[in-house]
Amino acid sequence: MSSPMCDSDYKYVATAEVESFVERCMIAVGTDPHHSNALAQVLREADYRGHVSHGLNRLEIYVRDIKNGMMQGQGEPSIEKETGSTALVNGNNLLGPVVGNFCMDLAIKKAKEHGIGWVVCKGWYSSRALQHGIIPSIGTNPLAVAAPAKAGDSFQLDMATSATALGKVEMSRRKEIEIPLGWGVNSKGKGHCFVAVNPQMFADGFEDRMQCLLDQYRNLQPAEGESAVLVAGDPERTHMRRVEGEGGIRYHVNLLRAMDELADTLGVAHLPTM
C-alpha cells in the first residue's frame, strides 16, 4: 500500500484553464469546436463539483476514441422516432455530452409542453433541467435525479449503483494506490434514458414543499461521529465553495503529468498550474 497523500502531491488549476485545455486537446484531434466546448464544460464541472474521477481524468479516453474512430467529432444527433412526449434519438457515435445535451434539452421542451418528456438515446444533464424548473431523471446503471427547491437550493443525486464508479478505480491507478476490497467494474450500459417532469403541471407549490423537505432532512440529529445530515448535492456545493475560496481546482500531480504528456503529443499548450 502506498503512503497517504500529502500537499506536495497536488497542484491547483483555475477552472477556466481546465475548460480551455480540454477544448484545445479535442479540437487538435478534429472535434467540432462546439462539441469540444460541450465536453469541456462537463469535465470542468465534474472536477469543480468534487468528482475528480469524472473530469480531466477522462480526457485521454475521449481523445483516444476520437482518434481511433470509436467516437465521431463531427455531426449532430438525430431523432428516429417521436411523439408529443417521447423520442428515440440516435447519438450517431458523437461525444456523450453532445448527445446528452441534445436529449435533455429535447426532454425539457416536451415536459414544458406536455408535462413530461421521455427521451431514450442509443449509441451535468440533471443540472441543465433544474435551470428550467424541471425535474430530471437520467439513468443506465448509474442514476441521476434532481429536483428544484427555493432560492437556488435543490436535491441533486448522482450515483453509481455498483460498488463504486469506474472513474474512482481509474483515479486509484493514477495515484498508484490500491483499491478497497469489494470494488468492481461494470463495463457496459445499453443506452441512456432522459426523463423530465414539469411539476407545474400538477399541484402548485412544488418548490416550497421540496424546500421544506430539504430543511427537515438537514435539521435532523446527525449520526454518532457525524457533524451534519446532508442531502444529495450538499457535498458538491461544499466543494464548489472550497474551489472558489482556493481560487482553483486541486489535482494530483500524476494526473497533471499525464495532461502535460497529452499536450505534447497533440502539440497544444500545457495546462497552467498555480
Protein backbone atom coordinates (compact mmCIF):
# COMPACT_ATOMS: atom_id res chain seq x y z
CA MET A 1 0.00 0.00 0.00
CA SER A 2 1.38 3.42 -0.94
CA SER A 3 1.84 6.15 1.67
CA PRO A 4 -1.01 8.64 2.33
CA MET A 5 -1.26 11.64 0.03
CA CYS A 6 0.36 14.92 1.15
CA ASP A 7 0.00 18.50 -0.08
CA SER A 8 3.08 18.21 -2.32
CA ASP A 9 1.16 15.59 -4.31
CA TYR A 10 -1.30 18.25 -5.53
CA LYS A 11 -1.36 21.49 -7.52
CA TYR A 12 -4.15 23.94 -8.36
CA VAL A 13 -5.59 24.91 -11.74
CA ALA A 14 -8.04 27.74 -12.45
CA THR A 15 -11.42 26.42 -13.59
CA ALA A 16 -11.35 28.49 -16.80
CA GLU A 17 -7.97 26.99 -17.68
CA VAL A 18 -9.37 23.47 -17.31
CA GLU A 19 -12.12 24.20 -19.82
CA SER A 20 -9.71 25.86 -22.28
CA PHE A 21 -7.28 22.94 -22.10
CA VAL A 22 -9.96 20.36 -22.85
CA GLU A 23 -11.12 22.42 -25.83
CA ARG A 24 -7.55 22.70 -27.18
CA CYS A 25 -6.99 18.96 -26.95
CA MET A 26 -10.28 17.98 -28.55
CA ILE A 27 -10.02 20.49 -31.40
CA ALA A 28 -6.49 19.21 -32.06
CA VAL A 29 -7.89 15.76 -32.90
CA GLY A 30 -10.55 17.18 -35.23
CA THR A 31 -13.53 17.64 -32.92
CA ASP A 32 -16.11 20.32 -33.75
CA PRO A 33 -15.42 23.41 -31.55
CA HIS A 34 -18.98 23.40 -30.20
CA HIS A 35 -18.71 19.72 -29.34
CA SER A 36 -15.32 20.37 -27.74
CA ASN A 37 -16.88 23.09 -25.59
CA ALA A 38 -19.74 20.80 -24.53
CA LEU A 39 -17.24 18.19 -23.33
CA ALA A 40 -15.04 20.83 -21.69
CA GLN A 41 -17.98 22.14 -19.66
CA VAL A 42 -18.90 18.65 -18.42
CA LEU A 43 -15.33 17.67 -17.44
CA ARG A 44 -14.69 21.01 -15.77
CA GLU A 45 -17.98 20.84 -13.89
CA ALA A 46 -17.22 17.32 -12.63
CA ASP A 47 -13.92 18.45 -11.13
CA TYR A 48 -15.46 21.70 -9.83
CA ARG A 49 -18.12 19.69 -8.00
CA GLY A 50 -15.53 17.35 -6.50
CA HIS A 51 -15.93 14.30 -8.75
CA VAL A 52 -12.33 14.30 -9.98
CA SER A 53 -12.64 10.75 -11.29
CA HIS A 54 -15.05 12.04 -13.95
CA GLY A 55 -13.30 15.23 -15.06
CA LEU A 56 -9.84 15.70 -16.57
CA ASN A 57 -9.16 12.09 -15.68
CA ARG A 58 -11.42 11.11 -18.58
CA LEU A 59 -9.89 13.41 -21.22
CA GLU A 60 -7.39 10.88 -22.60
CA ILE A 61 -10.25 8.43 -23.20
CA TYR A 62 -12.18 10.95 -25.30
CA VAL A 63 -9.07 11.93 -27.27
CA ARG A 64 -8.26 8.29 -27.95
CA ASP A 65 -11.82 7.46 -29.01
CA ILE A 66 -11.94 10.35 -31.47
CA LYS A 67 -8.52 9.47 -32.91
CA ASN A 68 -9.34 5.80 -33.45
CA GLY A 69 -12.84 6.47 -34.81
CA MET A 70 -14.71 4.94 -31.88
CA MET A 71 -16.46 8.31 -31.49
CA GLN A 72 -17.22 10.96 -34.07
CA GLY A 73 -16.10 14.55 -33.63
CA GLN A 74 -18.40 15.98 -36.30
CA GLY A 75 -22.14 15.75 -36.87
CA GLU A 76 -25.32 16.01 -34.81
CA PRO A 77 -27.71 13.59 -33.05
CA SER A 78 -30.84 12.65 -34.98
CA ILE A 79 -34.40 11.81 -33.94
CA GLU A 80 -35.51 8.41 -35.25
CA LYS A 81 -38.99 8.26 -33.68
CA GLU A 82 -41.05 10.88 -31.86
CA THR A 83 -44.40 11.61 -30.22
CA GLY A 84 -45.51 14.65 -28.26
CA SER A 85 -43.87 13.49 -25.04
CA THR A 86 -41.38 10.82 -26.17
CA ALA A 87 -38.49 10.41 -28.57
CA LEU A 88 -35.88 7.91 -29.68
CA VAL A 89 -32.57 9.58 -30.50
CA ASN A 90 -29.61 8.21 -32.43
CA GLY A 91 -26.44 9.67 -30.93
CA ASN A 92 -24.54 8.84 -34.14
CA ASN A 93 -21.46 7.93 -32.06
CA LEU A 94 -20.92 11.54 -31.01
CA LEU A 95 -19.41 12.65 -27.71
CA GLY A 96 -21.58 11.79 -24.71
CA PRO A 97 -22.10 15.41 -23.57
CA VAL A 98 -23.20 16.43 -27.08
CA VAL A 99 -25.80 13.65 -27.20
CA GLY A 100 -26.75 14.18 -23.56
CA ASN A 101 -27.39 17.89 -24.01
CA PHE A 102 -29.46 17.22 -27.13
CA CYS A 103 -31.58 14.60 -25.34
CA MET A 104 -32.02 16.56 -22.11
CA ASP A 105 -32.98 19.73 -23.99
CA LEU A 106 -35.50 17.75 -26.02
CA ALA A 107 -36.93 16.18 -22.85
CA ILE A 108 -37.18 19.64 -21.22
CA LYS A 109 -39.02 21.03 -24.26
CA LYS A 110 -41.52 18.16 -24.18
CA ALA A 111 -42.01 18.48 -20.41
CA LYS A 112 -42.82 22.17 -20.75
CA GLU A 113 -45.40 21.41 -23.43
CA HIS A 114 -46.87 18.11 -22.21
CA GLY A 115 -45.87 17.76 -18.55
CA ILE A 116 -43.34 15.00 -19.19
CA GLY A 117 -40.58 14.33 -21.67
CA TRP A 118 -39.16 10.83 -22.04
CA VAL A 119 -36.20 10.56 -24.40
CA VAL A 120 -34.15 7.43 -24.99
CA CYS A 121 -30.90 7.53 -26.92
CA LYS A 122 -28.69 4.84 -28.28
CA GLY A 123 -25.15 4.76 -29.06
CA TRP A 124 -24.37 17.59 -15.72
CA TYR A 125 -27.55 16.75 -17.63
CA SER A 126 -29.67 16.89 -14.46
CA SER A 127 -28.50 20.42 -13.61
CA ARG A 128 -29.47 21.52 -17.12
CA ALA A 129 -33.11 20.69 -16.38
CA LEU A 130 -33.08 22.36 -12.96
CA GLN A 131 -32.40 25.70 -14.64
CA HIS A 132 -35.85 25.37 -16.23
CA GLY A 133 -37.64 24.28 -13.03
CA ILE A 134 -37.97 20.76 -14.44
CA ILE A 135 -37.40 17.51 -12.51
CA PRO A 136 -34.88 15.40 -14.45
CA SER A 137 -34.06 11.72 -14.17
CA ILE A 138 -31.21 10.11 -16.10
CA GLY A 139 -30.02 6.57 -15.84
CA THR A 140 -28.38 3.44 -17.20
CA ASN A 141 -26.65 1.65 -14.35
CA PRO A 142 -25.62 4.96 -12.75
CA LEU A 143 -28.55 7.12 -11.65
CA ALA A 144 -29.05 10.88 -11.63
CA VAL A 145 -32.17 12.53 -10.21
CA ALA A 146 -32.65 16.18 -9.29
CA ALA A 147 -35.46 18.43 -8.07
CA PRO A 148 -35.57 22.24 -7.65
CA ALA A 149 -36.30 23.95 -4.35
CA LYS A 150 -36.25 27.66 -3.43
CA ALA A 151 -33.55 30.32 -3.84
CA GLY A 152 -31.27 28.10 -5.90
CA ASP A 153 -31.40 25.18 -3.48
CA SER A 154 -32.04 21.73 -4.91
CA PHE A 155 -31.85 17.98 -4.45
CA GLN A 156 -29.21 16.52 -6.80
CA LEU A 157 -28.49 12.80 -6.64
CA ASP A 158 -25.82 11.43 -9.00
CA MET A 159 -24.60 7.97 -8.05
CA ALA A 160 -23.31 4.64 -9.25
CA THR A 161 -25.44 1.61 -8.44
CA SER A 162 -22.33 -0.59 -8.44
CA ALA A 163 -19.90 -0.71 -5.50
CA THR A 164 -18.11 2.32 -6.93
CA ALA A 165 -17.77 4.30 -10.14
CA LEU A 166 -15.20 3.14 -12.68
CA GLY A 167 -13.62 6.59 -12.56
CA LYS A 168 -12.61 6.03 -8.93
CA VAL A 169 -10.80 2.87 -9.95
CA GLU A 170 -9.02 4.91 -12.62
CA MET A 171 -8.04 7.57 -10.09
CA SER A 172 -6.59 4.95 -7.77
CA ARG A 173 -4.40 3.83 -10.65
CA ARG A 174 -3.34 7.46 -11.24
CA LYS A 175 -2.36 7.88 -7.60
CA GLU A 176 -0.68 4.47 -7.52
CA ILE A 177 -2.74 3.28 -4.54
CA GLU A 178 -4.62 0.02 -4.05
CA ILE A 179 -8.40 -0.12 -4.40
CA PRO A 180 -10.51 -1.36 -1.46
CA LEU A 181 -11.62 -4.97 -1.39
CA GLY A 182 -15.04 -5.39 -2.97
CA TRP A 183 -14.78 -2.68 -5.63
CA GLY A 184 -15.83 -3.93 -9.05
CA VAL A 185 -16.21 -2.74 -12.59
CA ASN A 186 -19.37 -2.72 -14.69
CA SER A 187 -18.14 -2.01 -18.19
CA LYS A 188 -21.22 -1.62 -20.39
CA GLY A 189 -24.56 0.15 -20.37
CA LYS A 190 -27.10 -0.42 -23.14
CA GLY A 191 -28.36 3.14 -23.55
CA HIS A 192 -29.40 6.29 -21.71
CA CYS A 193 -32.90 7.36 -20.70
CA PHE A 194 -33.59 11.07 -20.13
CA VAL A 195 -36.80 11.91 -18.28
CA ALA A 196 -38.01 15.42 -17.50
CA VAL A 197 -41.16 16.11 -15.45
CA ASN A 198 -42.79 19.54 -15.21
CA PRO A 199 -44.13 19.86 -11.62
CA GLN A 200 -46.16 22.92 -12.62
CA MET A 201 -48.49 20.57 -14.49
CA PHE A 202 -49.54 19.08 -11.15
CA ALA A 203 -50.15 20.60 -7.70
CA ASP A 204 -48.88 24.12 -7.10
CA GLY A 205 -46.06 24.86 -4.67
CA PHE A 206 -43.65 22.06 -5.56
CA GLU A 207 -40.51 24.11 -4.83
CA ASP A 208 -41.90 25.18 -1.43
CA ARG A 209 -42.62 21.56 -0.49
CA MET A 210 -39.22 20.43 -1.70
CA GLN A 211 -37.51 23.16 0.32
CA CYS A 212 -39.46 22.10 3.40
CA LEU A 213 -38.31 18.52 2.88
CA LEU A 214 -34.65 19.53 2.43
CA ASP A 215 -34.77 21.71 5.55
CA GLN A 216 -36.35 18.87 7.51
CA TYR A 217 -33.55 16.50 6.49
CA ARG A 218 -30.79 18.98 7.30
CA ASN A 219 -32.24 19.66 10.74
CA LEU A 220 -32.24 16.00 11.77
CA GLN A 221 -29.92 14.79 14.53
CA PRO A 222 -26.67 13.58 12.91
CA ALA A 223 -25.48 10.01 13.42
CA GLU A 224 -22.79 9.46 16.02
CA GLY A 225 -19.46 10.74 14.75
CA GLU A 226 -21.02 12.93 12.07
CA SER A 227 -21.37 16.72 12.18
CA ALA A 228 -24.44 17.20 9.97
CA VAL A 229 -27.15 15.48 7.94
CA LEU A 230 -26.63 16.21 4.25
CA VAL A 231 -28.97 15.96 1.30
CA ALA A 232 -27.88 14.95 -2.18
CA GLY A 233 -25.96 17.87 -3.69
CA ASP A 234 -24.65 19.31 -0.40
CA PRO A 235 -21.15 17.75 -0.67
CA GLU A 236 -20.83 19.15 -4.19
CA ARG A 237 -21.92 22.62 -3.06
CA THR A 238 -19.34 22.48 -0.27
CA HIS A 239 -16.61 21.52 -2.73
CA MET A 240 -17.60 24.29 -5.13
CA ARG A 241 -17.28 26.85 -2.33
CA ARG A 242 -13.87 25.41 -1.48
CA VAL A 243 -12.74 25.76 -5.10
CA GLU A 244 -13.91 29.37 -5.17
CA GLY A 245 -12.10 30.09 -1.90
CA GLU A 246 -8.86 28.47 -3.03
CA GLY A 247 -9.00 30.02 -6.49
CA GLY A 248 -8.75 26.77 -8.42
CA ILE A 249 -9.31 23.02 -8.63
CA ARG A 250 -6.91 20.73 -6.78
CA TYR A 251 -5.35 17.99 -8.96
CA HIS A 252 -2.96 15.15 -8.21
CA VAL A 253 0.47 15.68 -9.80
CA ASN A 254 0.30 12.32 -11.59
CA LEU A 255 -2.81 13.45 -13.43
CA LEU A 256 -1.22 16.79 -14.30
CA ARG A 257 1.88 14.99 -15.58
CA ALA A 258 -0.34 12.86 -17.81
CA MET A 259 -2.03 16.01 -19.11
CA ASP A 260 1.37 17.52 -19.98
CA GLU A 261 2.27 14.37 -21.90
CA LEU A 262 -1.06 14.51 -23.72
CA ALA A 263 -0.48 18.16 -24.60
CA ASP A 264 2.97 17.35 -26.01
CA THR A 265 1.52 14.51 -28.09
CA LEU A 266 -1.18 16.77 -29.54
CA GLY A 267 1.05 19.83 -29.92
CA VAL A 268 -1.04 22.12 -27.72
CA ALA A 269 -0.15 24.39 -24.80
CA HIS A 270 0.22 22.79 -21.38
CA LEU A 271 -2.36 23.19 -18.64
CA PRO A 272 -1.13 26.08 -16.46
CA THR A 273 -0.92 25.39 -12.72
CA MET A 274 -0.83 27.77 -9.76
